[in-house]
C-alpha atoms as a PDB file:
ATOM      1  CA  MET A   1     -74.044  72.810  -7.611  1.00  0.00           C
ATOM      2  CA  ALA A   2     -74.836  76.014  -9.492  1.00  0.00           C
ATOM      3  CA  ALA A   3     -72.617  76.714 -12.443  1.00  0.00           C
ATOM      4  CA  SER A   4     -70.801  80.009 -12.166  1.00  0.00           C
ATOM      5  CA  ARG A   5     -70.444  82.194 -15.215  1.00  0.00           C
ATOM      6  CA  SER A   6     -67.155  83.886 -15.973  1.00  0.00           C
ATOM      7  CA  LYS A   7     -66.845  84.057 -19.758  1.00  0.00           C
ATOM      8  CA  ALA A   8     -69.077  85.720 -22.363  1.00  0.00           C
ATOM      9  CA  PRO A   9     -71.592  84.789 -23.650  1.00  0.00           C
ATOM     10  CA  LEU A  10     -72.077  82.496 -20.676  1.00  0.00           C
ATOM     11  CA  THR A  11     -71.967  85.457 -18.308  1.00  0.00           C
ATOM     12  CA  ALA A  12     -75.102  85.903 -16.245  1.00  0.00           C
ATOM     13  CA  ALA A  13     -76.201  88.695 -13.965  1.00  0.00           C
ATOM     14  CA  SER A  14     -78.276  87.012 -11.279  1.00  0.00           C
ATOM     15  CA  THR A  15     -80.658  89.985 -11.007  1.00  0.00           C
ATOM     16  CA  LYS A  16     -81.570  89.985 -14.713  1.00  0.00           C
ATOM     17  CA  PRO A  17     -84.668  87.919 -15.559  1.00  0.00           C
ATOM     18  CA  GLY A  18     -84.233  85.049 -17.957  1.00  0.00           C
ATOM     19  CA  ILE A  19     -84.485  81.336 -18.536  1.00  0.00           C
ATOM     20  CA  GLY A  20     -83.551  79.311 -15.462  1.00  0.00           C
ATOM     21  CA  GLY A  21     -83.318  75.797 -14.154  1.00  0.00           C
ATOM     22  CA  ALA A  22     -80.899  73.055 -15.067  1.00  0.00           C
ATOM     23  CA  VAL A  23     -80.324  72.084 -18.698  1.00  0.00           C
ATOM     24  CA  LEU A  24     -78.247  69.390 -20.387  1.00  0.00           C
ATOM     25  CA  LEU A  25     -75.997  70.562 -23.226  1.00  0.00           C
ATOM     26  CA  ASP A  26     -75.556  68.551 -26.406  1.00  0.00           C
ATOM     27  CA  THR A  27     -72.731  68.894 -28.928  1.00  0.00           C
ATOM     28  CA  GLY A  28     -74.453  71.112 -31.482  1.00  0.00           C
ATOM     29  CA  ILE A  29     -75.093  73.881 -28.968  1.00  0.00           C
ATOM     30  CA  LEU A  30     -71.428  74.267 -28.033  1.00  0.00           C
ATOM     31  CA  VAL A  31     -70.335  74.025 -31.667  1.00  0.00           C
ATOM     32  CA  ALA A  32     -72.871  76.658 -32.757  1.00  0.00           C
ATOM     33  CA  LEU A  33     -71.838  78.945 -29.910  1.00  0.00           C
ATOM     34  CA  HIS A  34     -68.218  79.044 -31.057  1.00  0.00           C
ATOM     35  CA  ALA A  35     -68.609  78.668 -34.841  1.00  0.00           C
ATOM     36  CA  ARG A  36     -69.871  82.028 -36.081  1.00  0.00           C
ATOM     37  CA  ASP A  37     -70.691  80.544 -39.491  1.00  0.00           C
ATOM     38  CA  ASP A  38     -73.014  77.937 -37.950  1.00  0.00           C
ATOM     39  CA  PRO A  39     -76.676  78.529 -38.915  1.00  0.00           C
ATOM     40  CA  LYS A  40     -77.696  78.218 -35.233  1.00  0.00           C
ATOM     41  CA  HIS A  41     -75.005  80.590 -33.893  1.00  0.00           C
ATOM     42  CA  ALA A  42     -77.304  83.599 -33.410  1.00  0.00           C
ATOM     43  CA  ALA A  43     -80.098  81.565 -31.793  1.00  0.00           C
ATOM     44  CA  VAL A  44     -77.706  79.793 -29.411  1.00  0.00           C
ATOM     45  CA  THR A  45     -75.971  83.041 -28.457  1.00  0.00           C
ATOM     46  CA  ARG A  46     -79.352  84.698 -27.799  1.00  0.00           C
ATOM     47  CA  TRP A  47     -80.591  81.748 -25.713  1.00  0.00           C
ATOM     48  CA  LEU A  48     -77.422  81.625 -23.611  1.00  0.00           C
ATOM     49  CA  SER A  49     -77.483  85.389 -23.017  1.00  0.00           C
ATOM     50  CA  ASP A  50     -80.912  84.931 -21.383  1.00  0.00           C
ATOM     51  CA  PHE A  51     -80.048  81.720 -19.546  1.00  0.00           C
ATOM     52  CA  ARG A  52     -79.664  81.914 -15.748  1.00  0.00           C
ATOM     53  CA  GLY A  53     -79.594  78.259 -14.737  1.00  0.00           C
ATOM     54  CA  GLU A  54     -77.104  75.429 -14.526  1.00  0.00           C
ATOM     55  CA  LEU A  55     -75.536  73.838 -17.609  1.00  0.00           C
ATOM     56  CA  HIS A  56     -74.563  70.150 -17.481  1.00  0.00           C
ATOM     57  CA  THR A  57     -72.870  67.815 -19.938  1.00  0.00           C
ATOM     58  CA  VAL A  58     -70.711  64.705 -20.308  1.00  0.00           C
ATOM     59  CA  GLU A  59     -67.187  64.059 -21.600  1.00  0.00           C
ATOM     60  CA  PRO A  60     -68.310  62.495 -24.926  1.00  0.00           C
ATOM     61  CA  VAL A  61     -70.055  65.771 -25.796  1.00  0.00           C
ATOM     62  CA  LEU A  62     -66.801  67.663 -25.252  1.00  0.00           C
ATOM     63  CA  ALA A  63     -64.923  65.150 -27.420  1.00  0.00           C
ATOM     64  CA  GLU A  64     -67.415  65.666 -30.251  1.00  0.00           C
ATOM     65  CA  VAL A  65     -67.226  69.448 -29.890  1.00  0.00           C
ATOM     66  CA  ALA A  66     -63.418  69.303 -30.071  1.00  0.00           C
ATOM     67  CA  TYR A  67     -63.667  67.279 -33.276  1.00  0.00           C
ATOM     68  CA  PHE A  68     -65.858  69.912 -34.951  1.00  0.00           C
ATOM     69  CA  LEU A  69     -64.050  73.038 -33.738  1.00  0.00           C
ATOM     70  CA  PRO A  70     -60.685  74.323 -34.932  1.00  0.00           C
ATOM     71  CA  VAL A  71     -57.715  73.717 -32.643  1.00  0.00           C
ATOM     72  CA  ARG A  72     -57.596  77.380 -31.576  1.00  0.00           C
ATOM     73  CA  LEU A  73     -61.086  77.093 -29.993  1.00  0.00           C
ATOM     74  CA  ARG A  74     -60.670  73.802 -28.141  1.00  0.00           C
ATOM     75  CA  SER A  75     -59.113  75.434 -25.086  1.00  0.00           C
ATOM     76  CA  VAL A  76     -62.226  77.604 -24.720  1.00  0.00           C
ATOM     77  CA  ILE A  77     -64.349  74.477 -24.293  1.00  0.00           C
ATOM     78  CA  ALA A  78     -62.046  73.172 -21.546  1.00  0.00           C
ATOM     79  CA  GLU A  79     -62.225  76.577 -19.855  1.00  0.00           C
ATOM     80  CA  LEU A  80     -66.041  76.429 -19.767  1.00  0.00           C
ATOM     81  CA  VAL A  81     -65.680  73.394 -17.511  1.00  0.00           C
ATOM     82  CA  SER A  82     -62.648  74.529 -15.510  1.00  0.00           C
ATOM     83  CA  GLY A  83     -64.252  77.941 -14.955  1.00  0.00           C
ATOM     84  CA  GLY A  84     -67.508  76.419 -13.718  1.00  0.00           C
ATOM     85  CA  ALA A  85     -69.787  77.614 -16.541  1.00  0.00           C
ATOM     86  CA  VAL A  86     -70.588  73.989 -17.415  1.00  0.00           C
ATOM     87  CA  THR A  87     -70.718  71.109 -14.937  1.00  0.00           C
ATOM     88  CA  LEU A  88     -69.152  67.918 -16.285  1.00  0.00           C
ATOM     89  CA  HIS A  89     -70.533  64.517 -15.217  1.00  0.00           C
ATOM     90  CA  HIS A  90     -68.853  61.092 -15.412  1.00  0.00           C
ATOM     91  CA  PRO A  91     -70.904  57.875 -15.469  1.00  0.00           C
ATOM     92  CA  GLY A  92     -68.663  55.476 -13.500  1.00  0.00           C
ATOM     93  CA  ALA A  93     -69.140  51.698 -13.671  1.00  0.00           C
ATOM     94  CA  ALA A  94     -72.877  51.655 -12.914  1.00  0.00           C
ATOM     95  CA  GLY A  95     -73.454  54.431 -15.432  1.00  0.00           C
ATOM     96  CA  GLN A  96     -71.510  52.540 -18.083  1.00  0.00           C
ATOM     97  CA  ALA A  97     -73.669  49.470 -17.425  1.00  0.00           C
ATOM     98  CA  ARG A  98     -76.792  51.577 -17.938  1.00  0.00           C
ATOM     99  CA  MET A  99     -75.303  53.039 -21.115  1.00  0.00           C
ATOM    100  CA  ALA A 100     -74.737  49.499 -22.432  1.00  0.00           C
ATOM    101  CA  GLU A 101     -78.442  48.812 -21.876  1.00  0.00           C
ATOM    102  CA  LEU A 102     -79.331  52.033 -23.699  1.00  0.00           C
ATOM    103  CA  PHE A 103     -77.105  51.136 -26.657  1.00  0.00           C
ATOM    104  CA  ARG A 104     -78.971  47.824 -26.963  1.00  0.00           C
ATOM    105  CA  LYS A 105     -82.371  49.456 -26.550  1.00  0.00           C
ATOM    106  CA  TYR A 106     -81.752  52.125 -29.204  1.00  0.00           C
ATOM    107  CA  ALA A 107     -79.611  50.016 -31.568  1.00  0.00           C
ATOM    108  CA  ASP A 108     -82.033  50.663 -34.437  1.00  0.00           C
ATOM    109  CA  GLN A 109     -81.390  54.420 -34.003  1.00  0.00           C
ATOM    110  CA  ASP A 110     -77.591  53.984 -34.253  1.00  0.00           C
ATOM    111  CA  PRO A 111     -77.030  56.243 -31.226  1.00  0.00           C
ATOM    112  CA  ASP A 112     -73.690  57.911 -30.695  1.00  0.00           C
ATOM    113  CA  TRP A 113     -71.801  57.791 -27.397  1.00  0.00           C
ATOM    114  CA  ALA A 114     -72.640  61.385 -26.489  1.00  0.00           C
ATOM    115  CA  ASP A 115     -76.390  60.876 -26.936  1.00  0.00           C
ATOM    116  CA  VAL A 116     -76.434  57.728 -24.803  1.00  0.00           C
ATOM    117  CA  ALA A 117     -74.324  59.441 -22.138  1.00  0.00           C
ATOM    118  CA  LEU A 118     -76.803  62.342 -22.066  1.00  0.00           C
ATOM    119  CA  VAL A 119     -79.721  59.928 -21.630  1.00  0.00           C
ATOM    120  CA  TRP A 120     -77.786  58.361 -18.726  1.00  0.00           C
ATOM    121  CA  LEU A 121     -77.189  61.840 -17.260  1.00  0.00           C
ATOM    122  CA  ALA A 122     -80.879  62.720 -17.527  1.00  0.00           C
ATOM    123  CA  GLU A 123     -81.778  59.516 -15.706  1.00  0.00           C
ATOM    124  CA  SER A 124     -79.168  59.890 -12.978  1.00  0.00           C
ATOM    125  CA  SER A 125     -79.537  63.636 -12.379  1.00  0.00           C
ATOM    126  CA  GLY A 126     -83.264  64.140 -12.870  1.00  0.00           C
ATOM    127  CA  ILE A 127     -82.573  66.909 -15.402  1.00  0.00           C
ATOM    128  CA  HIS A 128     -85.030  66.444 -18.257  1.00  0.00           C
ATOM    129  CA  ARG A 129     -84.437  69.644 -20.239  1.00  0.00           C
ATOM    130  CA  ILE A 130     -81.874  69.484 -23.017  1.00  0.00           C
ATOM    131  CA  ALA A 131     -80.463  72.128 -25.329  1.00  0.00           C
ATOM    132  CA  THR A 132     -79.804  70.320 -28.593  1.00  0.00           C
ATOM    133  CA  VAL A 133     -80.021  70.725 -32.341  1.00  0.00           C
ATOM    134  CA  ASP A 134     -80.434  66.930 -32.568  1.00  0.00           C
ATOM    135  CA  VAL A 135     -84.216  67.098 -32.268  1.00  0.00           C
ATOM    136  CA  ALA A 136     -84.934  63.904 -34.231  1.00  0.00           C
ATOM    137  CA  ASP A 137     -82.947  61.644 -31.883  1.00  0.00           C
ATOM    138  CA  PHE A 138     -83.973  63.319 -28.629  1.00  0.00           C
ATOM    139  CA  ASN A 139     -87.627  63.049 -29.658  1.00  0.00           C
ATOM    140  CA  VAL A 140     -87.091  59.258 -29.734  1.00  0.00           C
ATOM    141  CA  TYR A 141     -84.979  58.739 -26.589  1.00  0.00           C
ATOM    142  CA  ARG A 142     -86.860  58.302 -23.314  1.00  0.00           C
ATOM    143  CA  ILE A 143     -85.727  58.934 -19.754  1.00  0.00           C
ATOM    144  CA  HIS A 144     -86.141  55.682 -17.787  1.00  0.00           C
ATOM    145  CA  GLY A 145     -87.863  54.318 -20.895  1.00  0.00           C
ATOM    146  CA  ARG A 146     -90.923  56.539 -20.381  1.00  0.00           C
ATOM    147  CA  LYS A 147     -90.408  60.282 -20.035  1.00  0.00           C
ATOM    148  CA  ARG A 148     -89.751  62.476 -23.047  1.00  0.00           C
ATOM    149  CA  PHE A 149     -86.978  65.045 -23.004  1.00  0.00           C
ATOM    150  CA  GLU A 150     -88.035  68.671 -22.692  1.00  0.00           C
ATOM    151  CA  LEU A 151     -86.317  70.193 -25.720  1.00  0.00           C
ATOM    152  CA  GLU A 152     -85.006  73.734 -25.710  1.00  0.00           C
ATOM    153  CA  LEU A 153     -85.841  74.721 -29.282  1.00  0.00           C
ATOM    154  CA  LEU A 154     -83.338  77.244 -30.549  1.00  0.00           C
ATOM    155  CA  ALA A 155     -84.835  78.624 -33.758  1.00  0.00           C
END
């Protein structure tokens, strides 16, 4: 399902050329978007202004974002999902079983819940592109144990 855009800077004019396709969103991107003092704020804002595809994430990412943002901005994150700008995915029982396997596999990396949930989402959705500032971890994680993530580098 295509994500609709209703709030700046996630507003997209379908006739304007830009980056397309489906992309997974990690915590740092949403934090940088809403925290103007974040060093990646300008790069993330620029990337999203050109983006014309679908944005996908998982609940643990939203929980992490809420932790890092002030209370006054947390409702904006919920509105990104309720307004259709970001599609939220839930793993269910089979997904949780796969996440348990991933936690064991990457135990030496000390993965957080959001990262493992995003690996699960990549495997279950077929979306291999991820917008993240967590380059070190997502260079290690593999989709189905083999395929590397395609990282959206926001410099």
